[in-house]
Amino acid sequence: MVATKTAAAAVLLVLLALQGAGGCPKQCKCDAKTQEVACTGKGLTEIPFGLPVDSKRLIITDNNIAEVTGRQLSKLSLLEYLELSNNKISKIHSGAFKKLVKLRSLLLAGEHLQ
């Protein structure tokens, strides 16, 4: 009986840890089936932390993001599509997309890049 309770508690702890690691930032909508995260029109000033690491599509449009550093993107190695259109991006740091080895589409329409 004690072993069963201990095993159940261990499973619960693992599930809670996984949920925290792959949760969805409160400003975003995450679809586990399509592996898409959308954070549109939320007034964000930076790419949110805590994005699901298995995300394949990330849409962060119509916000107030001024620069892209890559620290929030570094764990998204499965990302294939990234849209950052209609923010206020004026600077993209060197290596910001370095860890995005599967990235096929990058949309930056309406930005102020020089």
Protein backbone atom coordinates (compact mmCIF):
# COMPACT_ATOMS: atom_id res chain seq x y z
CA MET A 1 0.00 0.00 0.00
CA VAL A 2 2.81 2.40 0.91
CA ALA A 3 4.67 1.50 -2.30
CA THR A 4 1.56 2.26 -4.36
CA LYS A 5 1.13 5.68 -2.74
CA THR A 6 4.82 6.44 -3.22
CA ALA A 7 4.66 5.45 -6.89
CA ALA A 8 1.52 7.56 -7.41
CA ALA A 9 3.18 10.55 -5.75
CA ALA A 10 6.26 10.13 -7.96
CA VAL A 11 4.12 10.03 -11.11
CA LEU A 12 2.26 13.15 -9.98
CA LEU A 13 5.53 15.01 -9.37
CA VAL A 14 6.82 14.06 -12.82
CA LEU A 15 3.59 15.22 -14.45
CA LEU A 16 3.71 18.54 -12.60
CA ALA A 17 7.34 19.05 -13.62
CA LEU A 18 6.53 18.34 -17.26
CA GLN A 19 3.56 20.68 -17.18
CA GLY A 20 5.71 23.48 -15.81
CA ALA A 21 8.40 22.90 -18.43
CA GLY A 22 5.98 22.84 -21.33
CA GLY A 23 3.31 25.21 -20.09
CA CYS A 24 1.89 28.13 -21.96
CA PRO A 25 2.64 31.76 -21.05
CA LYS A 26 -0.50 33.46 -19.78
CA GLN A 27 -0.44 36.04 -22.61
CA CYS A 28 -0.48 33.33 -25.28
CA LYS A 29 -2.72 30.62 -26.65
CA CYS A 30 -1.08 27.24 -27.11
CA ASP A 31 -2.46 24.43 -29.22
CA ALA A 32 -0.77 21.15 -28.30
CA LYS A 33 -2.25 19.36 -31.31
CA THR A 34 -0.79 21.73 -33.92
CA GLN A 35 2.15 22.72 -31.71
CA GLU A 36 1.32 26.38 -32.38
CA VAL A 37 1.72 29.25 -29.95
CA ALA A 38 0.02 32.58 -30.67
CA CYS A 39 0.70 35.74 -28.67
CA THR A 40 -1.03 38.38 -30.77
CA GLY A 41 -1.95 41.92 -29.75
CA LYS A 42 -1.07 41.55 -26.08
CA GLY A 43 1.19 44.59 -25.73
CA LEU A 44 4.24 42.39 -25.16
CA THR A 45 7.59 44.16 -24.91
CA GLU A 46 9.63 40.96 -25.17
CA ILE A 47 9.21 37.41 -26.38
CA PRO A 48 7.68 35.58 -23.41
CA PHE A 49 9.62 33.03 -21.41
CA GLY A 50 8.20 29.57 -20.77
CA LEU A 51 7.15 28.78 -24.32
CA PRO A 52 6.50 25.06 -24.90
CA VAL A 53 9.79 23.51 -26.06
CA ASP A 54 7.98 21.33 -28.61
CA SER A 55 6.49 24.34 -30.45
CA LYS A 56 6.69 24.22 -34.24
CA ARG A 57 4.89 27.50 -34.97
CA LEU A 58 5.27 30.72 -33.00
CA ILE A 59 3.22 33.79 -33.88
CA ILE A 60 3.96 36.95 -31.92
CA THR A 61 2.41 39.77 -33.93
CA ASP A 62 1.00 43.22 -33.20
CA ASN A 63 2.94 43.80 -29.98
CA ASN A 64 5.62 46.25 -28.80
CA ILE A 65 8.76 44.12 -29.00
CA ALA A 66 11.78 46.34 -29.78
CA GLU A 67 14.56 43.77 -29.96
CA VAL A 68 15.11 40.05 -30.37
CA THR A 69 17.91 38.60 -28.27
CA GLY A 70 17.39 34.89 -28.69
CA ARG A 71 17.44 33.97 -24.99
CA GLN A 72 13.72 33.20 -25.12
CA LEU A 73 14.08 31.26 -28.37
CA SER A 74 17.11 29.16 -27.46
CA LYS A 75 15.12 26.11 -26.33
CA LEU A 76 12.80 26.06 -29.37
CA SER A 77 14.96 23.83 -31.57
CA LEU A 78 11.87 22.28 -33.22
CA LEU A 79 10.49 25.65 -34.37
CA GLU A 80 9.75 25.73 -38.11
CA TYR A 81 7.74 28.95 -38.45
CA LEU A 82 8.31 32.23 -36.63
CA GLU A 83 6.25 35.34 -37.24
CA LEU A 84 7.22 38.56 -35.47
CA SER A 85 5.39 41.00 -37.76
CA ASN A 86 4.02 44.38 -36.70
CA ASN A 87 6.02 44.84 -33.55
CA LYS A 88 8.53 47.63 -33.07
CA ILE A 89 11.63 45.58 -33.74
CA SER A 90 14.64 47.74 -34.53
CA LYS A 91 17.39 45.34 -33.42
CA ILE A 92 17.99 41.62 -33.81
CA HIS A 93 21.02 40.43 -31.87
CA SER A 94 23.65 38.36 -33.62
CA GLY A 95 22.87 34.67 -33.16
CA ALA A 96 19.28 35.32 -32.08
CA PHE A 97 18.06 32.50 -34.33
CA LYS A 98 21.13 30.28 -34.02
CA LYS A 99 19.41 27.49 -32.06
CA LEU A 100 16.43 27.41 -34.43
CA VAL A 101 17.94 24.72 -36.64
CA LYS A 102 14.60 23.67 -38.18
CA LEU A 103 13.35 27.19 -38.92
CA ARG A 104 11.99 27.44 -42.48
CA SER A 105 9.90 30.62 -42.35
CA LEU A 106 10.68 33.92 -40.65
CA LEU A 107 8.23 36.79 -41.13
CA LEU A 108 9.19 40.31 -40.05
CA ALA A 109 6.71 42.47 -41.98
CA GLY A 110 6.16 46.00 -40.71
CA GLU A 111 9.36 46.20 -38.69
CA HIS A 112 11.84 49.07 -38.42
CA LEU A 113 15.03 47.17 -39.18
CA GLN A 114 18.04 48.99 -40.64
